[in-house]
Amino acid sequence: MRKAICDVIPKTVWTNIDEGSVLVPQQDTFIHLQFRRFAGCPVCNLHLQSFFKRAEELKANNIHEVVVFHASQKDMLASVVDVPFDLIADPSRKLYKEFGVETSWKALLNLGVMQKALKGIRKFGMKIPQSVEAELGVPADFLINQAGTVVALKYGAHADDQWSVDEVIELAKSV
């Protein structure tokens, strides 16, 4: 079921791909929870590069990045190097379902998505998704405050429809 602003995320601990604990919510910081498509997704990789480059700025604004992929831990570990964020493998889509993050044929039916995909493939290559469901995934973004309340959210309409770094920082400053 889709989340709404003011929904409260119960205290929980997730495990990142390096077997570390990720506490949600976190007492001293916002969590920007990103749901992406699959490990090796060229559109996702391009988008996340903009976040990687500004990781220190996000931290300075008390924003902790948590990124969920519809992929196995093994596939994710093979696809990432020196990522400054917590990455969560969710091959069964448990978290996707919990947060109401869906799939859609519209994920790829967008000229901008195709252009980004080609650019991403040229830069990073592309790994084959584990399933058609992963390929048709649409992104979603949630900003969760220190009390666990969803203070902002965005369910993407297509594969390249997610918040920018600037939007995340502005949202965190405005609540």
Protein backbone atom coordinates (compact mmCIF):
# COMPACT_ATOMS: atom_id res chain seq x y z
CA MET A 1 0.00 0.00 0.00
CA ARG A 2 1.30 3.44 -0.90
CA LYS A 3 2.63 5.60 1.88
CA ALA A 4 1.36 9.12 2.50
CA ILE A 5 2.82 12.21 4.09
CA CYS A 6 2.50 11.93 7.90
CA ASP A 7 2.66 8.12 7.85
CA VAL A 8 5.01 6.88 10.55
CA ILE A 9 7.64 4.28 9.74
CA PRO A 10 8.03 1.98 12.75
CA LYS A 11 11.49 1.58 14.22
CA THR A 12 13.26 -1.17 12.36
CA VAL A 13 16.73 -2.34 11.44
CA TRP A 14 17.57 -3.27 7.86
CA THR A 15 20.78 -4.94 6.71
CA ASN A 16 22.87 -3.29 4.01
CA ILE A 17 24.79 -5.24 1.37
CA ASP A 18 27.94 -5.12 3.53
CA GLU A 19 26.04 -6.82 6.41
CA GLY A 20 25.89 -3.56 8.37
CA SER A 21 22.84 -2.39 10.29
CA VAL A 22 20.69 0.47 9.03
CA LEU A 23 18.42 1.92 11.72
CA VAL A 24 15.21 3.50 10.45
CA PRO A 25 14.41 6.15 11.59
CA GLN A 26 17.61 7.75 12.84
CA GLN A 27 17.64 10.02 15.86
CA ASP A 28 19.89 12.76 14.53
CA THR A 29 19.24 12.84 10.80
CA PHE A 30 16.71 12.63 8.02
CA ILE A 31 16.64 9.51 5.91
CA HIS A 32 16.27 9.90 2.18
CA LEU A 33 14.99 6.48 1.21
CA GLN A 34 15.41 5.85 -2.51
CA PHE A 35 13.87 2.91 -4.32
CA ARG A 36 15.68 2.19 -7.58
CA ARG A 37 15.20 -0.42 -10.29
CA PHE A 38 17.92 -3.09 -10.44
CA ALA A 39 21.67 -3.41 -9.87
CA GLY A 40 23.39 -2.19 -13.01
CA CYS A 41 20.43 -0.10 -14.24
CA PRO A 42 22.04 2.56 -16.46
CA VAL A 43 19.42 5.21 -15.63
CA CYS A 44 19.75 4.54 -11.89
CA ASN A 45 23.55 4.61 -12.07
CA LEU A 46 23.59 8.00 -13.78
CA HIS A 47 21.17 9.43 -11.24
CA LEU A 48 23.07 8.03 -8.26
CA GLN A 49 26.36 9.48 -9.53
CA SER A 50 24.95 12.95 -8.88
CA PHE A 51 24.29 11.89 -5.26
CA PHE A 52 27.71 10.27 -4.85
CA LYS A 53 29.43 13.47 -5.98
CA ARG A 54 27.54 15.47 -3.34
CA ALA A 55 27.63 12.95 -0.50
CA GLU A 56 29.41 15.34 1.89
CA GLU A 57 26.88 18.09 1.17
CA LEU A 58 24.02 15.69 1.93
CA LYS A 59 25.68 14.71 5.23
CA ALA A 60 26.23 18.38 6.09
CA ASN A 61 22.49 18.87 5.70
CA ASN A 62 21.75 15.93 8.06
CA ILE A 63 20.55 13.62 5.30
CA HIS A 64 21.41 9.93 5.39
CA GLU A 65 21.00 8.16 2.05
CA VAL A 66 19.51 4.67 1.96
CA VAL A 67 19.11 3.14 -1.50
CA VAL A 68 17.04 0.01 -2.17
CA PHE A 69 17.45 -2.08 -5.31
CA HIS A 70 15.36 -4.94 -6.68
CA ALA A 71 18.44 -7.13 -6.80
CA SER A 72 20.30 -9.74 -4.81
CA GLN A 73 23.14 -8.88 -2.48
CA LYS A 74 25.50 -10.79 -4.78
CA ASP A 75 24.45 -8.79 -7.86
CA MET A 76 24.74 -5.53 -5.97
CA LEU A 77 28.18 -6.31 -4.60
CA ALA A 78 29.31 -7.07 -8.16
CA SER A 79 27.97 -3.71 -9.35
CA VAL A 80 29.18 -1.23 -6.73
CA VAL A 81 32.50 0.12 -5.57
CA ASP A 82 33.07 2.67 -2.79
CA VAL A 83 29.46 3.80 -2.45
CA PRO A 84 29.11 6.32 0.40
CA PHE A 85 25.52 5.26 1.19
CA ASP A 86 23.69 2.32 2.68
CA LEU A 87 22.57 0.00 -0.11
CA ILE A 88 19.80 -2.49 0.57
CA ALA A 89 19.22 -5.60 -1.56
CA ASP A 90 15.54 -6.48 -1.89
CA PRO A 91 15.26 -9.29 -4.45
CA SER A 92 11.84 -10.38 -3.17
CA ARG A 93 10.52 -6.77 -3.28
CA LYS A 94 9.43 -6.93 0.37
CA LEU A 95 10.30 -3.28 1.05
CA TYR A 96 8.92 -2.22 -2.33
CA LYS A 97 5.56 -3.74 -1.36
CA GLU A 98 5.69 -2.29 2.15
CA PHE A 99 6.19 1.21 0.70
CA GLY A 100 3.82 0.75 -2.25
CA VAL A 101 6.54 1.07 -4.91
CA GLU A 102 5.21 -0.48 -8.09
CA THR A 103 6.16 -1.48 -11.60
CA SER A 104 4.71 -0.09 -14.81
CA TRP A 105 5.14 -0.41 -18.55
CA LYS A 106 5.40 3.39 -18.47
CA ALA A 107 8.79 2.99 -16.78
CA LEU A 108 10.49 2.81 -20.17
CA LEU A 109 7.98 4.61 -22.42
CA ASN A 110 9.54 8.03 -22.22
CA LEU A 111 11.98 9.64 -24.66
CA GLY A 112 14.04 11.13 -21.83
CA VAL A 113 14.39 7.70 -20.23
CA MET A 114 15.66 6.19 -23.46
CA GLN A 115 18.21 8.98 -23.85
CA LYS A 116 19.40 8.58 -20.25
CA ALA A 117 19.55 4.81 -20.64
CA LEU A 118 21.79 5.11 -23.70
CA LYS A 119 24.02 7.62 -21.94
CA GLY A 120 24.24 5.35 -18.89
CA ILE A 121 24.99 2.28 -20.99
CA ARG A 122 27.83 4.14 -22.73
CA LYS A 123 29.26 5.23 -19.37
CA PHE A 124 28.66 2.16 -17.16
CA GLY A 125 27.51 -0.67 -19.38
CA MET A 126 24.37 -2.53 -18.40
CA LYS A 127 23.68 -5.64 -16.45
CA ILE A 128 20.64 -7.67 -17.38
CA PRO A 129 17.89 -7.29 -14.77
CA GLN A 130 16.87 -10.38 -12.81
CA SER A 131 13.31 -10.15 -14.08
CA VAL A 132 10.94 -8.17 -16.28
CA GLU A 133 9.49 -6.85 -13.03
CA ALA A 134 12.87 -5.27 -12.19
CA GLU A 135 13.15 -3.76 -15.68
CA LEU A 136 9.69 -2.19 -15.33
CA GLY A 137 10.34 -0.78 -11.88
CA VAL A 138 9.68 2.87 -11.23
CA PRO A 139 11.62 4.85 -8.64
CA ALA A 140 10.27 6.32 -5.44
CA ASP A 141 11.70 8.74 -2.90
CA PHE A 142 10.78 9.22 0.75
CA LEU A 143 12.10 11.77 3.21
CA ILE A 144 11.72 10.41 6.74
CA ASN A 145 12.34 12.63 9.75
CA GLN A 146 13.97 11.71 13.05
CA ALA A 147 10.63 10.60 14.54
CA GLY A 148 9.98 8.24 11.62
CA THR A 149 7.37 10.42 9.95
CA VAL A 150 7.25 10.60 6.15
CA VAL A 151 7.55 14.36 5.57
CA ALA A 152 7.82 14.23 1.77
CA LEU A 153 7.50 11.58 -0.91
CA LYS A 154 7.50 11.04 -4.63
CA TYR A 155 6.36 8.02 -6.60
CA GLY A 156 7.99 8.20 -10.02
CA ALA A 157 5.96 7.96 -13.23
CA HIS A 158 8.87 6.51 -15.24
CA ALA A 159 12.41 5.21 -14.74
CA ASP A 160 14.01 8.68 -14.61
CA ASP A 161 11.44 10.41 -12.41
CA GLN A 162 13.08 10.97 -9.03
CA TRP A 163 14.30 13.80 -6.81
CA SER A 164 17.55 15.58 -7.53
CA VAL A 165 20.11 16.29 -4.80
CA ASP A 166 18.96 19.91 -4.71
CA GLU A 167 15.34 18.86 -4.20
CA VAL A 168 16.25 16.54 -1.32
CA ILE A 169 18.29 19.26 0.43
CA GLU A 170 15.53 21.84 -0.04
CA LEU A 171 12.89 19.46 1.28
CA ALA A 172 14.97 18.70 4.37
CA LYS A 173 15.48 22.41 5.01
CA SER A 174 11.79 23.21 4.60
CA VAL A 175 10.39 20.79 7.19
